[in-house]
Amino acid sequence: MTDVMAMYKDKATRQAFIGKGLEIYNSLKGQLEPAHNGEIVAIEPNSGDYVVGKTLGKADKAMFQKHPDTWVLFVRIGQPDANIPLKTW
């Protein structure tokens, strides 16, 4: 699990986390695009687990069931630059 302060204050930690998540996103791209464009995929980079939701809230709720209180990368499908690392809540 990534430390909260490290994720927000240490750019290298945050960039490494995002990079690992985007690698997984790119490996899933053929399964996700274009059928789910505009939806949100939540990716847990350490396990490779992911869930898709129509909204960030729905993706978070589904991921929380698998990985409560864990850092995940939320990515808008079809727009991978629109991403944010957050803890499931």
C-alpha atoms as a PDB file:
ATOM      1  CA  MET A   1       0.000   0.000   0.000  1.00  0.00           C
ATOM      2  CA  THR A   2       1.320   3.437  -0.869  1.00  0.00           C
ATOM      3  CA  ASP A   3       1.637   6.006   1.890  1.00  0.00           C
ATOM      4  CA  VAL A   4      -0.784   8.941   1.582  1.00  0.00           C
ATOM      5  CA  MET A   5       1.852  11.602   2.095  1.00  0.00           C
ATOM      6  CA  ALA A   6       4.270   9.966  -0.332  1.00  0.00           C
ATOM      7  CA  MET A   7       1.584   9.841  -2.997  1.00  0.00           C
ATOM      8  CA  TYR A   8       0.764  13.539  -2.708  1.00  0.00           C
ATOM      9  CA  LYS A   9       4.147  15.017  -1.817  1.00  0.00           C
ATOM     10  CA  ASP A  10       6.609  12.822  -3.700  1.00  0.00           C
ATOM     11  CA  LYS A  11       6.248  13.384  -7.434  1.00  0.00           C
ATOM     12  CA  ALA A  12       8.428  10.356  -8.280  1.00  0.00           C
ATOM     13  CA  THR A  13       6.225   8.018  -6.204  1.00  0.00           C
ATOM     14  CA  ARG A  14       3.066   9.424  -7.771  1.00  0.00           C
ATOM     15  CA  GLN A  15       4.486   9.247 -11.310  1.00  0.00           C
ATOM     16  CA  ALA A  16       5.656   5.646 -10.806  1.00  0.00           C
ATOM     17  CA  PHE A  17       2.193   4.666  -9.527  1.00  0.00           C
ATOM     18  CA  ILE A  18       0.466   6.383 -12.456  1.00  0.00           C
ATOM     19  CA  GLY A  19       2.941   4.862 -14.918  1.00  0.00           C
ATOM     20  CA  LYS A  20       2.295   1.341 -13.641  1.00  0.00           C
ATOM     21  CA  GLY A  21      -1.471   1.900 -13.789  1.00  0.00           C
ATOM     22  CA  LEU A  22      -1.295   3.254 -17.335  1.00  0.00           C
ATOM     23  CA  GLU A  23       0.779   0.247 -18.443  1.00  0.00           C
ATOM     24  CA  ILE A  24      -2.083  -1.958 -17.271  1.00  0.00           C
ATOM     25  CA  TYR A  25      -4.622   0.343 -18.954  1.00  0.00           C
ATOM     26  CA  ASN A  26      -2.729   0.088 -22.234  1.00  0.00           C
ATOM     27  CA  SER A  27      -2.720  -3.718 -21.991  1.00  0.00           C
ATOM     28  CA  LEU A  28      -6.526  -3.630 -21.523  1.00  0.00           C
ATOM     29  CA  LYS A  29      -7.187  -1.002 -24.182  1.00  0.00           C
ATOM     30  CA  GLY A  30      -8.490  -3.500 -26.753  1.00  0.00           C
ATOM     31  CA  GLN A  31     -11.068  -4.797 -24.255  1.00  0.00           C
ATOM     32  CA  LEU A  32     -12.142  -1.355 -23.017  1.00  0.00           C
ATOM     33  CA  GLU A  33     -12.173   0.891 -26.086  1.00  0.00           C
ATOM     34  CA  PRO A  34     -14.426   1.874 -27.791  1.00  0.00           C
ATOM     35  CA  ALA A  35     -17.236  -0.072 -26.059  1.00  0.00           C
ATOM     36  CA  HIS A  36     -16.688   1.682 -22.717  1.00  0.00           C
ATOM     37  CA  ASN A  37     -15.407   5.084 -23.896  1.00  0.00           C
ATOM     38  CA  GLY A  38     -16.313   7.786 -21.381  1.00  0.00           C
ATOM     39  CA  GLU A  39     -16.710   5.332 -18.507  1.00  0.00           C
ATOM     40  CA  ILE A  40     -14.182   4.966 -15.679  1.00  0.00           C
ATOM     41  CA  VAL A  41     -11.790   2.090 -15.093  1.00  0.00           C
ATOM     42  CA  ALA A  42     -10.291   1.709 -11.618  1.00  0.00           C
ATOM     43  CA  ILE A  43      -6.949  -0.110 -11.668  1.00  0.00           C
ATOM     44  CA  GLU A  44      -5.097  -1.520  -8.665  1.00  0.00           C
ATOM     45  CA  PRO A  45      -1.534  -1.531 -10.064  1.00  0.00           C
ATOM     46  CA  ASN A  46       0.007  -4.016  -7.621  1.00  0.00           C
ATOM     47  CA  SER A  47      -2.442  -6.821  -8.399  1.00  0.00           C
ATOM     48  CA  GLY A  48      -3.550  -5.754 -11.878  1.00  0.00           C
ATOM     49  CA  ASP A  49      -7.193  -5.964 -10.760  1.00  0.00           C
ATOM     50  CA  TYR A  50      -9.567  -3.559 -12.458  1.00  0.00           C
ATOM     51  CA  VAL A  51     -13.250  -2.702 -12.583  1.00  0.00           C
ATOM     52  CA  VAL A  52     -15.274  -0.539 -14.954  1.00  0.00           C
ATOM     53  CA  GLY A  53     -18.044   1.799 -13.837  1.00  0.00           C
ATOM     54  CA  LYS A  54     -20.269   4.336 -15.565  1.00  0.00           C
ATOM     55  CA  THR A  55     -19.040   6.962 -13.052  1.00  0.00           C
ATOM     56  CA  LEU A  56     -16.069   7.405 -10.731  1.00  0.00           C
ATOM     57  CA  GLY A  57     -18.354   6.672  -7.784  1.00  0.00           C
ATOM     58  CA  LYS A  58     -19.563   3.391  -9.269  1.00  0.00           C
ATOM     59  CA  ALA A  59     -16.028   2.308 -10.204  1.00  0.00           C
ATOM     60  CA  ASP A  60     -14.871   3.162  -6.685  1.00  0.00           C
ATOM     61  CA  LYS A  61     -17.721   1.255  -5.050  1.00  0.00           C
ATOM     62  CA  ALA A  62     -16.916  -1.869  -7.081  1.00  0.00           C
ATOM     63  CA  MET A  63     -13.165  -1.588  -6.422  1.00  0.00           C
ATOM     64  CA  PHE A  64     -13.735  -0.976  -2.694  1.00  0.00           C
ATOM     65  CA  GLN A  65     -15.387  -4.408  -2.536  1.00  0.00           C
ATOM     66  CA  LYS A  66     -12.146  -5.974  -3.813  1.00  0.00           C
ATOM     67  CA  HIS A  67      -9.583  -3.600  -2.306  1.00  0.00           C
ATOM     68  CA  PRO A  68     -10.920  -1.512   0.589  1.00  0.00           C
ATOM     69  CA  ASP A  69      -8.857   1.542   1.531  1.00  0.00           C
ATOM     70  CA  THR A  70      -6.317   0.931  -1.234  1.00  0.00           C
ATOM     71  CA  TRP A  71      -4.726   3.326  -3.715  1.00  0.00           C
ATOM     72  CA  VAL A  72      -6.038   2.828  -7.239  1.00  0.00           C
ATOM     73  CA  LEU A  73      -5.722   4.711 -10.497  1.00  0.00           C
ATOM     74  CA  PHE A  74      -8.983   5.975 -11.965  1.00  0.00           C
ATOM     75  CA  VAL A  75      -8.827   6.501 -15.736  1.00  0.00           C
ATOM     76  CA  ARG A  76     -11.474   7.817 -18.133  1.00  0.00           C
ATOM     77  CA  ILE A  77     -11.670   5.174 -20.853  1.00  0.00           C
ATOM     78  CA  GLY A  78     -10.673   6.577 -24.219  1.00  0.00           C
ATOM     79  CA  GLN A  79      -8.903   9.519 -22.537  1.00  0.00           C
ATOM     80  CA  PRO A  80      -6.051   7.993 -20.511  1.00  0.00           C
ATOM     81  CA  ASP A  81      -4.556  11.419 -19.781  1.00  0.00           C
ATOM     82  CA  ALA A  82      -7.665  12.005 -17.660  1.00  0.00           C
ATOM     83  CA  ASN A  83      -6.513   9.979 -14.658  1.00  0.00           C
ATOM     84  CA  ILE A  84      -6.163  10.425 -10.923  1.00  0.00           C
ATOM     85  CA  PRO A  85      -4.732   8.265  -8.152  1.00  0.00           C
ATOM     86  CA  LEU A  86      -7.077   8.049  -5.150  1.00  0.00           C
ATOM     87  CA  LYS A  87      -7.699   5.702  -2.231  1.00  0.00           C
ATOM     88  CA  THR A  88     -10.912   3.717  -2.436  1.00  0.00           C
ATOM     89  CA  TRP A  89     -13.465   5.140  -0.032  1.00  0.00           C
END
